[in-house]
Amino acid sequence: MNQTYINELKDHIGREVTLKGWLYNSRSSGKLVFLQLRDGTGIVQCVVFKGNNEELFENAKSLGQESSIIVTGTVKTDDRSSIGVELDVTGLEVLQNASEYPITPKEHGTEFLMDNRHLWIRSKKQNAVLKVRHTVVKATRDFFDDNGFILADTPIFTPAACEGTTTLFEVDYFDDDKAYLTQSGQLYNEATAASFGRSYCFGPVFRAEKSKTRRHLTEFWMVEPEMAYAQLPDVMDLGEKLIKFITERVLNDRKEDLAVLERDVSILQAITAAKFPRIHYDEAVKLLQKGFAKGEMDNNFEWGGDFGAPDETYISKQFDAPVFVHHFPAIIKAFYFERDAERPELALGADLLAPEGYGEIIGGGERATSIEFLEKQLIEHNLPKESFEWYLDLRRYGSVPHAGFGMGVERATAWMCGIEHVRETIPFPRMLNRLKP
């Protein structure tokens, strides 16, 4: 049996088509039944008239929410419809008549919806969010593929920490060995960048942070580009180009989904033409301290600390575009960051803070090139040198200035969608107290 998809119906006005999908909702009015059919590409109203076929009409009336059905009918224009058409039903095949579907059109609590995440993703808004995520991922891959980067995937199992030992998930490996779920593919990216010049990895990463904030997941997806013969300014240049490219793609390809989410697209449109400000960590600290003096911040931020969510939100609100903060204190950055030659207490790193309180969406910087420096860093960070001998080889054989960053897909998607919590931007979120469904 041929199948037409709902997003193709405008090309079939006046023709008979067959749609395969699920009953999103329904209502009846006298001799008419209105079926809202979804198929993953959209939702269309299918009208069943009792006078045409009474048996078909009774079958349509009996259907429960999320019943799986195949509908045949003629496509007609309908100016009241959000997609401009409706279907005049002439045939109905019921694969399963579902009953007592748990997620009804009424309001439900967050925990209930998360417990039923496998069903919740069928709803209009969740469907729209995940379509935006798809476009963010596709745009990201296209950007790097079209700009000379080679995809080189990195291991999920690693022998040691990359971002600090306190957020590692430890797992049993063979012969009583221990392995860890990757926090980042960056160290391996440095090896592939020395092969390809420009490389990137794209996959899941894991952080054992006992955090319940709206910005955190224990498993999330990250894209991480790395460039040989590159420095800190190159990181910020590339990050700005990437975010603008993604934003333009989402605005162009996901108009209907952004409308479903009631996203203020003017904010995103302004981003595409803006120059992203770049401020020194020292300047950011002064902004926060001024905010405290004005009574706009609860705590007086001290130089040397890492930014929390309120700090990032306050800084970003001072600008009309995403803002880079660079030259962080080395003590709060990972062991592999290059140091500022004039102020060795500073790391050559940068974070990109998104507007509207979404926080850091890009973090990266320049990598240290001195093997002697890195050997000292391993000792200071209490990291086993034997696990990093391969990494030190990258400095023994052809060390060059190189730099890169990581961008979290979920935070970027949450910002694009204008939704509050990153848990809705991944099909099946893993959080501190959630391991199912």
Protein backbone atom coordinates (compact mmCIF):
# COMPACT_ATOMS: atom_id res chain seq x y z
CA MET A 1 0.00 0.00 0.00
CA ASN A 2 1.40 3.40 -0.98
CA GLN A 3 1.95 5.92 1.79
CA THR A 4 1.87 9.70 1.74
CA TYR A 5 3.35 11.72 4.61
CA ILE A 6 1.49 14.59 6.21
CA ASN A 7 4.20 17.13 5.35
CA GLU A 8 3.65 16.25 1.66
CA LEU A 9 -0.14 16.75 1.60
CA LYS A 10 -0.04 20.23 0.06
CA ASP A 11 1.31 18.59 -3.09
CA HIS A 12 -1.68 16.22 -3.28
CA ILE A 13 -4.71 18.53 -3.08
CA GLY A 14 -7.71 16.92 -4.78
CA ARG A 15 -6.10 13.47 -4.83
CA GLU A 16 -6.79 10.35 -2.81
CA VAL A 17 -3.93 9.43 -0.46
CA THR A 18 -3.16 6.92 2.28
CA LEU A 19 -1.75 8.06 5.61
CA LYS A 20 -0.27 5.76 8.25
CA GLY A 21 0.06 6.93 11.80
CA TRP A 22 -1.46 7.32 15.25
CA LEU A 23 -4.52 9.07 16.62
CA TYR A 24 -3.29 12.20 18.40
CA ASN A 25 -6.76 13.34 19.47
CA SER A 26 -10.38 13.20 18.32
CA ARG A 27 -13.80 14.75 18.80
CA SER A 28 -17.25 14.16 17.38
CA SER A 29 -20.04 16.54 16.48
CA GLY A 30 -23.34 15.03 15.43
CA LYS A 31 -22.72 13.25 12.15
CA LEU A 32 -19.01 14.11 11.99
CA VAL A 33 -15.89 12.67 13.65
CA PHE A 34 -12.69 14.71 13.55
CA LEU A 35 -9.55 12.59 13.86
CA GLN A 36 -6.23 14.31 14.53
CA LEU A 37 -3.72 11.99 12.86
CA ARG A 38 0.04 12.24 13.41
CA ASP A 39 2.74 10.38 11.52
CA GLY A 40 5.97 12.00 12.77
CA THR A 41 6.06 14.63 10.02
CA GLY A 42 3.02 16.57 11.22
CA ILE A 43 -0.61 16.44 12.35
CA VAL A 44 -3.63 16.64 10.05
CA GLN A 45 -7.37 16.67 10.67
CA CYS A 46 -9.21 13.75 9.08
CA VAL A 47 -12.99 14.21 8.76
CA VAL A 48 -15.35 11.22 8.83
CA PHE A 49 -18.96 11.86 7.70
CA LYS A 50 -21.59 9.44 8.96
CA GLY A 51 -23.66 9.77 5.80
CA ASN A 52 -20.85 8.41 3.64
CA ASN A 53 -20.26 5.19 5.59
CA GLU A 54 -21.97 4.47 8.92
CA GLU A 55 -19.69 1.52 9.81
CA LEU A 56 -16.59 3.62 9.17
CA PHE A 57 -18.11 6.41 11.24
CA GLU A 58 -18.73 4.09 14.23
CA ASN A 59 -15.20 2.68 13.97
CA ALA A 60 -13.78 6.21 14.01
CA LYS A 61 -15.88 7.15 17.07
CA SER A 62 -14.59 4.13 19.00
CA LEU A 63 -10.89 4.92 18.63
CA GLY A 64 -8.83 5.72 21.69
CA GLN A 65 -5.94 8.16 21.88
CA GLU A 66 -2.75 6.80 20.24
CA SER A 67 -4.58 4.07 18.34
CA SER A 68 -2.52 3.00 15.32
CA ILE A 69 -4.51 3.51 12.11
CA ILE A 70 -4.25 3.69 8.34
CA VAL A 71 -6.49 6.33 6.78
CA THR A 72 -7.45 6.78 3.14
CA GLY A 73 -9.12 9.92 1.85
CA THR A 74 -9.10 12.95 -0.40
CA VAL A 75 -6.92 15.96 0.39
CA LYS A 76 -8.85 19.24 0.60
CA THR A 77 -7.72 22.79 1.26
CA ASP A 78 -8.65 24.21 4.64
CA ASP A 79 -7.64 27.77 5.53
CA ARG A 80 -8.38 27.13 9.21
CA SER A 81 -5.78 24.37 9.39
CA SER A 82 -2.22 25.19 10.47
CA ILE A 83 -0.97 23.11 7.51
CA GLY A 84 -3.60 24.42 5.06
CA VAL A 85 -5.29 21.08 4.32
CA GLU A 86 -7.52 18.38 5.79
CA LEU A 87 -8.49 14.85 4.73
CA ASP A 88 -12.01 13.75 3.72
CA VAL A 89 -11.91 10.12 4.92
CA THR A 90 -13.12 7.29 2.69
CA GLY A 91 -11.34 4.36 4.34
CA LEU A 92 -10.06 3.40 7.80
CA GLU A 93 -7.97 0.41 8.89
CA VAL A 94 -7.42 -0.03 12.61
CA LEU A 95 -4.18 -1.83 13.50
CA GLN A 96 -4.73 -1.39 17.23
CA ASN A 97 -7.47 0.40 19.12
CA ALA A 98 -5.58 1.74 22.14
CA SER A 99 -7.35 2.48 25.40
CA GLU A 100 -6.55 4.35 28.61
CA TYR A 101 -3.52 6.15 27.21
CA PRO A 102 -1.85 7.64 30.32
CA ILE A 103 -0.89 11.06 28.91
CA THR A 104 -4.18 12.80 28.28
CA PRO A 105 -4.62 16.41 27.06
CA LYS A 106 -4.86 17.61 30.68
CA GLU A 107 -1.93 18.90 32.78
CA HIS A 108 0.47 16.33 34.25
CA GLY A 109 3.31 16.68 36.77
CA THR A 110 6.94 16.62 35.64
CA GLU A 111 7.80 13.37 37.46
CA PHE A 112 4.81 11.61 35.90
CA LEU A 113 5.83 12.83 32.44
CA MET A 114 9.45 11.80 32.97
CA ASP A 115 8.34 8.35 34.16
CA ASN A 116 6.42 8.12 30.89
CA ARG A 117 9.11 9.72 28.76
CA HIS A 118 8.80 6.90 26.20
CA LEU A 119 5.25 8.15 25.56
CA TRP A 120 5.75 11.86 26.31
CA ILE A 121 8.02 12.26 23.29
CA ARG A 122 4.90 11.74 21.13
CA SER A 123 3.46 15.07 22.28
CA LYS A 124 3.56 18.17 20.11
CA LYS A 125 6.10 20.20 22.08
CA GLN A 126 8.43 17.31 22.84
CA ASN A 127 8.33 16.29 19.21
CA ALA A 128 9.24 19.85 18.21
CA VAL A 129 12.15 20.01 20.68
CA LEU A 130 13.65 16.78 19.39
CA LYS A 131 13.28 17.95 15.79
CA VAL A 132 15.21 21.10 16.68
CA ARG A 133 17.85 18.87 18.29
CA HIS A 134 18.07 16.88 15.06
CA THR A 135 18.72 20.10 13.14
CA VAL A 136 21.32 21.28 15.67
CA VAL A 137 23.18 17.97 15.26
CA LYS A 138 22.88 17.99 11.45
CA ALA A 139 24.00 21.61 11.20
CA THR A 140 26.96 20.92 13.47
CA ARG A 141 28.13 17.99 11.36
CA ASP A 142 27.64 19.95 8.14
CA PHE A 143 29.60 22.89 9.52
CA PHE A 144 32.66 20.85 10.39
CA ASP A 145 32.45 18.56 7.37
CA ASP A 146 32.26 21.59 5.04
CA ASN A 147 35.14 23.38 6.75
CA GLY A 148 37.84 20.76 6.38
CA PHE A 149 37.43 18.86 9.67
CA ILE A 150 37.66 15.07 9.74
CA LEU A 151 35.33 13.10 12.03
CA ALA A 152 37.47 10.79 14.19
CA ASP A 153 35.43 9.17 16.94
CA THR A 154 37.02 8.69 20.34
CA PRO A 155 36.65 5.92 22.97
CA ILE A 156 33.79 5.65 25.45
CA PHE A 157 36.01 3.59 27.81
CA THR A 158 39.09 5.49 28.96
CA PRO A 159 41.94 4.56 31.33
CA ALA A 160 42.02 7.86 33.22
CA ALA A 161 40.33 11.21 33.83
CA CYS A 162 40.25 14.09 31.38
CA GLU A 163 38.20 16.71 33.25
CA GLY A 164 39.03 15.80 36.86
CA THR A 165 38.76 12.65 38.95
CA THR A 166 35.74 13.71 41.02
CA THR A 167 33.20 13.30 38.20
CA LEU A 168 34.24 9.90 36.82
CA PHE A 169 31.97 6.90 36.36
CA GLU A 170 34.09 3.84 37.14
CA VAL A 171 33.30 0.49 35.51
CA ASP A 172 34.82 -2.99 35.76
CA TYR A 173 36.94 -3.99 32.79
CA PHE A 174 38.65 -7.30 31.95
CA ASP A 175 41.12 -9.02 34.30
CA ASP A 176 40.12 -6.85 37.27
CA ASP A 177 41.15 -3.68 35.45
CA LYS A 178 39.20 -0.48 35.98
CA ALA A 179 37.96 1.74 33.18
CA TYR A 180 36.03 5.00 33.16
CA LEU A 181 33.22 6.38 31.02
CA THR A 182 34.60 9.24 29.00
CA GLN A 183 34.17 12.82 30.22
CA SER A 184 35.48 14.17 26.93
CA GLY A 185 37.17 13.00 23.75
CA GLN A 186 39.50 15.97 23.77
CA LEU A 187 42.79 14.26 24.67
CA TYR A 188 42.29 11.81 21.82
CA ASN A 189 41.29 14.70 19.55
CA GLU A 190 44.75 16.15 20.09
CA ALA A 191 46.19 12.94 18.61
CA THR A 192 43.86 12.94 15.61
CA ALA A 193 44.45 16.67 14.98
CA ALA A 194 48.17 15.89 14.74
CA SER A 195 47.22 13.43 11.98
CA PHE A 196 44.55 15.37 10.09
CA GLY A 197 45.30 18.98 11.03
CA ARG A 198 41.64 19.55 11.91
CA SER A 199 39.45 16.87 13.45
CA TYR A 200 36.37 16.48 15.59
CA CYS A 201 34.54 13.84 17.59
CA PHE A 202 30.83 13.73 18.29
CA GLY A 203 29.28 11.42 20.85
CA PRO A 204 28.05 10.81 24.38
CA VAL A 205 30.07 11.88 27.42
CA PHE A 206 29.47 11.20 31.10
CA ARG A 207 29.86 13.34 34.21
CA ALA A 208 29.22 11.93 37.69
CA GLU A 209 28.20 15.30 39.09
CA LYS A 210 25.66 15.13 41.90
CA SER A 211 23.80 18.10 40.51
CA LYS A 212 20.05 18.58 40.13
CA THR A 213 20.11 21.89 38.24
CA ARG A 214 18.15 22.48 35.06
CA ARG A 215 21.45 22.66 33.12
CA HIS A 216 22.89 19.27 34.07
CA LEU A 217 22.66 15.70 32.79
CA THR A 218 24.90 12.79 33.73
CA GLU A 219 24.95 11.63 30.10
CA PHE A 220 24.94 14.14 27.28
CA TRP A 221 26.23 14.61 23.74
CA MET A 222 29.15 16.81 22.88
CA VAL A 223 30.90 17.86 19.70
CA GLU A 224 34.60 18.61 20.12
CA PRO A 225 36.72 20.11 17.33
CA GLU A 226 40.51 20.32 17.58
CA MET A 227 42.89 22.33 15.38
CA ALA A 228 46.64 22.01 14.94
CA TYR A 229 48.59 25.27 14.60
CA ALA A 230 45.82 27.15 16.41
CA GLN A 231 45.58 29.37 19.48
CA LEU A 232 42.95 30.83 21.81
CA PRO A 233 41.63 33.49 19.36
CA ASP A 234 41.08 30.74 16.78
CA VAL A 235 38.87 28.88 19.27
CA MET A 236 36.65 31.91 19.74
CA ASP A 237 36.50 32.61 15.99
CA LEU A 238 35.47 29.04 15.22
CA GLY A 239 32.94 28.89 18.08
CA GLU A 240 31.24 32.09 16.93
CA LYS A 241 30.98 30.83 13.34
CA LEU A 242 29.56 27.51 14.50
CA ILE A 243 26.84 29.04 16.68
CA LYS A 244 25.78 31.45 13.94
CA PHE A 245 25.65 28.62 11.41
CA ILE A 246 23.50 26.45 13.70
CA THR A 247 21.18 29.35 14.53
CA GLU A 248 20.61 30.20 10.88
CA ARG A 249 19.88 26.56 10.06
CA VAL A 250 17.38 26.20 12.92
CA LEU A 251 15.62 29.43 11.96
CA ASN A 252 15.39 28.32 8.34
CA ASP A 253 14.47 24.64 8.78
CA ARG A 254 12.42 24.63 12.01
CA LYS A 255 9.99 27.55 11.67
CA GLU A 256 6.91 25.44 12.47
CA ASP A 257 8.56 23.72 15.43
CA LEU A 258 9.76 27.02 16.90
CA ALA A 259 6.19 28.30 16.54
CA VAL A 260 4.86 25.25 18.43
CA LEU A 261 7.37 26.05 21.18
CA GLU A 262 6.31 29.73 21.12
CA ARG A 263 9.97 30.69 20.76
CA ASP A 264 10.73 34.39 20.34
CA VAL A 265 12.70 34.02 17.11
CA SER A 266 13.68 37.69 17.04
CA ILE A 267 16.27 36.90 19.73
CA LEU A 268 17.82 34.19 17.56
CA GLN A 269 17.62 36.33 14.43
CA ALA A 270 19.61 39.07 16.16
CA ILE A 271 22.35 36.56 17.00
CA THR A 272 23.12 35.76 13.38
CA ALA A 273 24.25 39.31 12.63
CA ALA A 274 25.87 40.14 15.98
CA LYS A 275 29.53 40.24 16.87
CA PHE A 276 30.05 38.13 19.98
CA PRO A 277 31.73 40.20 22.73
CA ARG A 278 34.97 38.86 24.24
CA ILE A 279 35.80 39.86 27.79
CA HIS A 280 38.68 38.95 30.07
CA TYR A 281 37.92 37.02 33.26
CA ASP A 282 39.10 40.09 35.20
CA GLU A 283 36.44 42.19 33.49
CA ALA A 284 33.78 39.58 34.18
CA VAL A 285 34.68 39.61 37.87
CA LYS A 286 34.33 43.40 37.94
CA LEU A 287 30.88 43.12 36.34
CA LEU A 288 29.78 40.68 39.03
CA GLN A 289 31.17 42.81 41.83
CA LYS A 290 29.40 45.88 40.44
CA GLY A 291 26.22 43.86 40.29
CA PHE A 292 26.62 42.98 43.97
CA ALA A 293 27.24 46.64 44.86
CA LYS A 294 24.02 47.58 43.05
CA GLY A 295 22.08 44.89 44.88
CA GLU A 296 21.58 42.89 41.69
CA MET A 297 23.64 39.92 42.92
CA ASP A 298 23.22 38.03 46.18
CA ASN A 299 26.90 37.17 46.64
CA ASN A 300 30.04 39.24 46.14
CA PHE A 301 32.09 37.21 43.66
CA GLU A 302 35.78 36.87 44.45
CA TRP A 303 38.55 36.66 41.89
CA GLY A 304 39.73 33.07 41.42
CA GLY A 305 36.34 31.40 41.69
CA ASP A 306 34.48 29.53 38.99
CA PHE A 307 31.20 30.94 37.74
CA GLY A 308 27.96 29.42 39.00
CA ALA A 309 24.66 29.58 37.15
CA PRO A 310 23.62 32.97 38.67
CA ASP A 311 27.02 34.46 37.74
CA GLU A 312 26.82 33.25 34.13
CA THR A 313 23.26 34.53 33.84
CA TYR A 314 24.18 37.97 35.17
CA ILE A 315 27.19 38.31 32.88
CA SER A 316 25.21 37.27 29.80
CA LYS A 317 22.44 39.75 30.60
CA GLN A 318 24.91 42.61 30.19
CA PHE A 319 25.20 41.85 26.48
CA ASP A 320 22.85 41.44 23.52
CA ALA A 321 24.69 38.44 22.09
CA PRO A 322 26.51 35.36 23.37
CA VAL A 323 29.67 36.47 25.17
CA PHE A 324 33.08 34.84 25.45
CA VAL A 325 34.85 35.02 28.78
CA HIS A 326 38.54 34.18 28.44
CA HIS A 327 41.74 33.88 30.49
CA PHE A 328 40.35 32.01 33.50
CA PRO A 329 42.44 31.27 36.59
CA ALA A 330 44.41 28.12 35.84
CA ILE A 331 43.44 26.60 39.17
CA ILE A 332 39.85 26.10 38.01
CA LYS A 333 40.79 24.68 34.62
CA ALA A 334 41.97 21.22 33.53
CA PHE A 335 45.64 20.25 33.66
CA TYR A 336 46.24 20.46 29.90
CA PHE A 337 45.52 24.20 29.40
CA GLU A 338 48.32 26.42 28.14
CA ARG A 339 49.24 29.28 30.46
CA ASP A 340 49.41 32.99 29.70
CA ALA A 341 53.08 33.89 29.17
CA GLU A 342 52.74 37.23 31.02
CA ARG A 343 50.45 35.94 33.79
CA PRO A 344 51.13 32.23 34.39
CA GLU A 345 48.29 32.05 36.92
CA LEU A 346 45.88 32.35 33.98
CA ALA A 347 44.88 29.59 31.57
CA LEU A 348 44.33 30.31 27.88
CA GLY A 349 40.75 29.13 28.00
CA ALA A 350 37.40 30.58 26.98
CA ASP A 351 33.73 29.86 27.70
CA LEU A 352 30.85 31.05 25.54
CA LEU A 353 27.85 32.08 27.61
CA ALA A 354 24.46 32.03 25.88
CA PRO A 355 21.90 34.81 26.45
CA GLU A 356 18.69 34.42 28.46
CA GLY A 357 20.33 32.54 31.33
CA TYR A 358 21.31 29.38 29.44
CA GLY A 359 24.90 29.48 30.64
CA GLU A 360 28.01 27.95 29.08
CA ILE A 361 27.40 26.26 25.74
CA ILE A 362 31.03 26.19 24.56
CA GLY A 363 34.15 25.65 26.63
CA GLY A 364 37.71 25.22 25.40
CA GLY A 365 41.02 26.85 24.75
CA GLU A 366 44.65 26.40 23.89
CA ARG A 367 46.53 23.25 24.92
CA ALA A 368 49.91 23.16 26.64
CA THR A 369 52.76 22.16 24.30
CA SER A 370 55.60 21.60 26.80
CA ILE A 371 56.12 18.02 27.95
CA GLU A 372 57.94 19.23 31.06
CA PHE A 373 54.99 21.42 32.03
CA LEU A 374 52.48 18.59 31.49
CA GLU A 375 54.56 16.16 33.56
CA LYS A 376 54.46 18.63 36.45
CA GLN A 377 50.72 19.10 35.95
CA LEU A 378 50.07 15.38 36.17
CA ILE A 379 51.85 15.30 39.52
CA GLU A 380 49.99 18.37 40.83
CA HIS A 381 46.63 16.90 39.77
CA ASN A 382 47.49 13.49 41.22
CA LEU A 383 47.04 11.76 37.86
CA PRO A 384 48.89 8.50 37.01
CA LYS A 385 51.68 9.28 34.55
CA GLU A 386 51.61 5.78 33.04
CA SER A 387 48.04 6.34 31.84
CA PHE A 388 49.13 9.50 30.02
CA GLU A 389 52.37 8.34 28.40
CA TRP A 390 50.61 8.15 25.05
CA TYR A 391 49.40 11.73 25.54
CA LEU A 392 52.91 12.91 26.39
CA ASP A 393 54.10 11.31 23.14
CA LEU A 394 52.16 14.01 21.32
CA ARG A 395 54.65 16.50 22.83
CA ARG A 396 57.67 14.31 22.16
CA TYR A 397 57.00 13.93 18.45
CA GLY A 398 56.07 17.09 16.60
CA SER A 399 54.46 19.27 19.26
CA VAL A 400 52.74 22.37 17.86
CA PRO A 401 50.37 25.02 19.21
CA HIS A 402 46.88 23.55 19.05
CA ALA A 403 43.45 24.37 20.41
CA GLY A 404 39.83 23.29 20.47
CA PHE A 405 36.57 23.29 22.37
CA GLY A 406 33.49 21.30 23.30
CA MET A 407 29.85 22.22 22.68
CA GLY A 408 27.06 20.44 24.56
CA VAL A 409 24.19 19.58 22.23
CA GLU A 410 21.54 19.65 24.95
CA ARG A 411 22.33 23.11 26.27
CA ALA A 412 22.57 24.51 22.76
CA THR A 413 19.22 22.92 21.88
CA ALA A 414 17.55 24.19 25.06
CA TRP A 415 18.64 27.70 24.17
CA MET A 416 17.45 27.40 20.56
CA CYS A 417 14.05 26.15 21.79
CA GLY A 418 13.77 28.62 24.66
CA ILE A 419 12.89 25.83 27.11
CA GLU A 420 13.89 25.78 30.74
CA HIS A 421 15.39 22.34 31.32
CA VAL A 422 17.93 20.34 29.29
CA ARG A 423 16.17 17.09 30.25
CA GLU A 424 13.64 17.76 27.46
CA THR A 425 16.32 18.09 24.78
CA ILE A 426 17.42 14.44 24.79
CA PRO A 427 15.03 11.56 24.10
CA PHE A 428 15.81 9.63 27.30
CA PRO A 429 17.61 11.78 29.88
CA ARG A 430 19.95 10.41 32.53
CA MET A 431 20.09 12.51 35.69
CA LEU A 432 21.13 12.15 39.31
CA ASN A 433 17.93 10.36 40.30
CA ARG A 434 16.79 9.03 36.93
CA LEU A 435 18.01 5.94 35.11
CA LYS A 436 14.77 4.95 33.38
CA PRO A 437 12.91 4.59 31.13
